[in-house]
Amino acid sequence: MPGADWKSAEAYPDAKKAEAADIAWEWLRRNCGYQRDYKALAASERSSAMADHFRQQWELSFRS
């Protein structure tokens, strides 16, 4: 939601329905360190070791 006013309740109408993963993602995607590391990963020739390191560093897990 680019440009949304994070202080405005109207910008997040479904916040009361959000699960922990939703809240975590909203925090993570605004984190400057995460943004930097993600851009570096996206710009590189991704190896599985590099992607694994990224997931471990940011404690990410994905459902199978």
N, C-alpha and C. Protein backbone atom coordinates (compact mmCIF):
# COMPACT_ATOMS: atom_id res chain seq x y z
N MET A 1 0.83 -1.16 0.00
CA MET A 1 0.00 0.00 0.00
C MET A 1 0.89 1.24 0.00
N PRO A 2 1.54 1.53 -1.12
CA PRO A 2 2.44 2.67 -1.19
C PRO A 2 1.72 3.98 -0.89
N GLY A 3 2.37 4.81 -0.10
CA GLY A 3 1.83 6.13 0.18
C GLY A 3 0.74 6.16 1.24
N ALA A 4 0.38 5.00 1.81
CA ALA A 4 -0.66 4.98 2.82
C ALA A 4 -0.16 5.63 4.10
N ASP A 5 -1.05 6.33 4.76
CA ASP A 5 -0.72 6.95 6.05
C ASP A 5 -0.83 5.88 7.12
N TRP A 6 0.31 5.41 7.62
CA TRP A 6 0.30 4.31 8.58
C TRP A 6 -0.39 4.67 9.89
N LYS A 7 -0.61 5.95 10.14
CA LYS A 7 -1.27 6.38 11.37
C LYS A 7 -2.79 6.42 11.21
N SER A 8 -3.28 6.29 10.00
CA SER A 8 -4.70 6.40 9.71
C SER A 8 -5.39 5.03 9.78
N ALA A 9 -6.41 4.92 10.61
CA ALA A 9 -7.17 3.67 10.70
C ALA A 9 -7.84 3.35 9.38
N GLU A 10 -8.20 4.36 8.62
CA GLU A 10 -8.86 4.14 7.33
C GLU A 10 -7.93 3.46 6.31
N ALA A 11 -6.63 3.61 6.50
CA ALA A 11 -5.67 3.00 5.59
C ALA A 11 -5.58 1.48 5.80
N TYR A 12 -6.07 1.01 6.93
CA TYR A 12 -6.00 -0.41 7.27
C TYR A 12 -7.36 -0.90 7.76
N PRO A 13 -8.33 -0.98 6.84
CA PRO A 13 -9.68 -1.36 7.28
C PRO A 13 -9.79 -2.77 7.82
N ASP A 14 -8.89 -3.69 7.44
CA ASP A 14 -8.98 -5.07 7.89
C ASP A 14 -7.99 -5.41 9.00
N ALA A 15 -7.43 -4.42 9.64
CA ALA A 15 -6.40 -4.65 10.66
C ALA A 15 -6.90 -5.53 11.81
N LYS A 16 -8.15 -5.38 12.18
CA LYS A 16 -8.67 -6.19 13.29
C LYS A 16 -8.78 -7.66 12.91
N LYS A 17 -8.79 -7.96 11.62
CA LYS A 17 -8.87 -9.35 11.15
C LYS A 17 -7.48 -9.93 10.88
N ALA A 18 -6.45 -9.11 11.00
CA ALA A 18 -5.09 -9.54 10.66
C ALA A 18 -4.59 -10.62 11.61
N GLU A 19 -3.85 -11.55 11.02
CA GLU A 19 -3.21 -12.60 11.82
C GLU A 19 -1.78 -12.15 12.12
N ALA A 20 -1.11 -12.88 12.98
CA ALA A 20 0.26 -12.53 13.37
C ALA A 20 1.18 -12.40 12.16
N ALA A 21 1.04 -13.31 11.20
CA ALA A 21 1.89 -13.26 10.00
C ALA A 21 1.65 -11.99 9.20
N ASP A 22 0.41 -11.51 9.17
CA ASP A 22 0.10 -10.28 8.45
C ASP A 22 0.78 -9.08 9.10
N ILE A 23 0.72 -9.03 10.41
CA ILE A 23 1.35 -7.94 11.16
C ILE A 23 2.87 -8.00 10.99
N ALA A 24 3.42 -9.21 11.08
CA ALA A 24 4.87 -9.38 10.92
C ALA A 24 5.32 -8.91 9.54
N TRP A 25 4.56 -9.25 8.51
CA TRP A 25 4.93 -8.83 7.16
C TRP A 25 4.88 -7.31 7.03
N GLU A 26 3.87 -6.68 7.59
CA GLU A 26 3.78 -5.22 7.51
C GLU A 26 4.98 -4.56 8.18
N TRP A 27 5.44 -5.13 9.29
CA TRP A 27 6.62 -4.59 9.97
C TRP A 27 7.87 -4.84 9.13
N LEU A 28 8.00 -6.08 8.66
CA LEU A 28 9.22 -6.47 7.93
C LEU A 28 9.39 -5.67 6.65
N ARG A 29 8.33 -5.48 5.90
CA ARG A 29 8.48 -4.81 4.61
C ARG A 29 8.84 -3.33 4.76
N ARG A 30 8.67 -2.78 5.94
CA ARG A 30 9.04 -1.39 6.19
C ARG A 30 10.44 -1.25 6.80
N ASN A 31 11.07 -2.38 7.11
CA ASN A 31 12.37 -2.39 7.75
C ASN A 31 13.46 -2.06 6.73
N CYS A 32 14.23 -1.03 6.98
CA CYS A 32 15.27 -0.59 6.04
C CYS A 32 16.32 -1.66 5.77
N GLY A 33 16.71 -2.39 6.79
CA GLY A 33 17.69 -3.46 6.61
C GLY A 33 17.15 -4.57 5.73
N TYR A 34 15.89 -4.93 5.94
CA TYR A 34 15.27 -5.96 5.10
C TYR A 34 15.19 -5.49 3.65
N GLN A 35 14.78 -4.25 3.45
CA GLN A 35 14.68 -3.70 2.10
C GLN A 35 16.04 -3.75 1.40
N ARG A 36 17.08 -3.36 2.11
CA ARG A 36 18.44 -3.37 1.56
C ARG A 36 18.86 -4.79 1.17
N ASP A 37 18.66 -5.73 2.09
CA ASP A 37 19.06 -7.10 1.84
C ASP A 37 18.24 -7.74 0.72
N TYR A 38 16.97 -7.42 0.67
CA TYR A 38 16.11 -7.97 -0.39
C TYR A 38 16.56 -7.44 -1.75
N LYS A 39 16.85 -6.16 -1.83
CA LYS A 39 17.31 -5.58 -3.10
C LYS A 39 18.62 -6.22 -3.54
N ALA A 40 19.51 -6.47 -2.60
CA ALA A 40 20.79 -7.12 -2.93
C ALA A 40 20.54 -8.54 -3.42
N LEU A 41 19.65 -9.26 -2.78
CA LEU A 41 19.33 -10.62 -3.21
C LEU A 41 18.68 -10.60 -4.59
N ALA A 42 17.75 -9.70 -4.81
CA ALA A 42 17.05 -9.63 -6.09
C ALA A 42 18.00 -9.24 -7.23
N ALA A 43 19.02 -8.45 -6.94
CA ALA A 43 19.95 -7.98 -7.96
C ALA A 43 21.05 -9.01 -8.26
N SER A 44 21.20 -9.98 -7.41
CA SER A 44 22.27 -10.95 -7.57
C SER A 44 21.79 -12.16 -8.37
N GLU A 45 22.76 -12.97 -8.76
CA GLU A 45 22.42 -14.27 -9.32
C GLU A 45 22.14 -15.16 -8.13
N ARG A 46 20.89 -15.39 -7.87
CA ARG A 46 20.50 -16.09 -6.66
C ARG A 46 20.97 -17.54 -6.66
N SER A 47 21.68 -17.87 -5.62
CA SER A 47 22.02 -19.27 -5.40
C SER A 47 21.13 -19.76 -4.27
N SER A 48 20.95 -21.04 -4.17
CA SER A 48 20.11 -21.53 -3.08
C SER A 48 20.75 -21.23 -1.74
N ALA A 49 22.09 -21.22 -1.68
CA ALA A 49 22.77 -20.89 -0.42
C ALA A 49 22.50 -19.44 -0.03
N MET A 50 22.52 -18.54 -1.01
CA MET A 50 22.26 -17.14 -0.72
C MET A 50 20.81 -16.94 -0.26
N ALA A 51 19.88 -17.59 -0.93
CA ALA A 51 18.47 -17.49 -0.55
C ALA A 51 18.25 -18.09 0.84
N ASP A 52 18.91 -19.21 1.12
CA ASP A 52 18.80 -19.82 2.45
C ASP A 52 19.34 -18.89 3.52
N HIS A 53 20.48 -18.26 3.25
CA HIS A 53 21.05 -17.31 4.20
C HIS A 53 20.08 -16.15 4.45
N PHE A 54 19.48 -15.62 3.40
CA PHE A 54 18.51 -14.53 3.53
C PHE A 54 17.33 -14.95 4.41
N ARG A 55 16.78 -16.14 4.14
CA ARG A 55 15.65 -16.64 4.94
C ARG A 55 16.05 -16.81 6.40
N GLN A 56 17.24 -17.37 6.63
CA GLN A 56 17.69 -17.57 8.01
C GLN A 56 17.95 -16.25 8.71
N GLN A 57 18.58 -15.32 8.01
CA GLN A 57 18.89 -14.02 8.60
C GLN A 57 17.63 -13.29 9.04
N TRP A 58 16.59 -13.36 8.22
CA TRP A 58 15.35 -12.64 8.52
C TRP A 58 14.29 -13.54 9.15
N GLU A 59 14.69 -14.78 9.48
CA GLU A 59 13.82 -15.76 10.13
C GLU A 59 12.52 -15.95 9.37
N LEU A 60 12.66 -16.13 8.06
CA LEU A 60 11.51 -16.34 7.21
C LEU A 60 11.27 -17.83 7.00
N SER A 61 10.04 -18.21 6.96
CA SER A 61 9.68 -19.57 6.60
C SER A 61 8.48 -19.49 5.68
N PHE A 62 8.40 -20.46 4.79
CA PHE A 62 7.32 -20.46 3.82
C PHE A 62 6.56 -21.77 3.90
N ARG A 63 5.26 -21.69 3.76
CA ARG A 63 4.45 -22.90 3.80
C ARG A 63 4.69 -23.72 2.55
N SER A 64 4.67 -25.02 2.71
CA SER A 64 4.87 -25.91 1.56
C SER A 64 3.54 -26.23 0.93
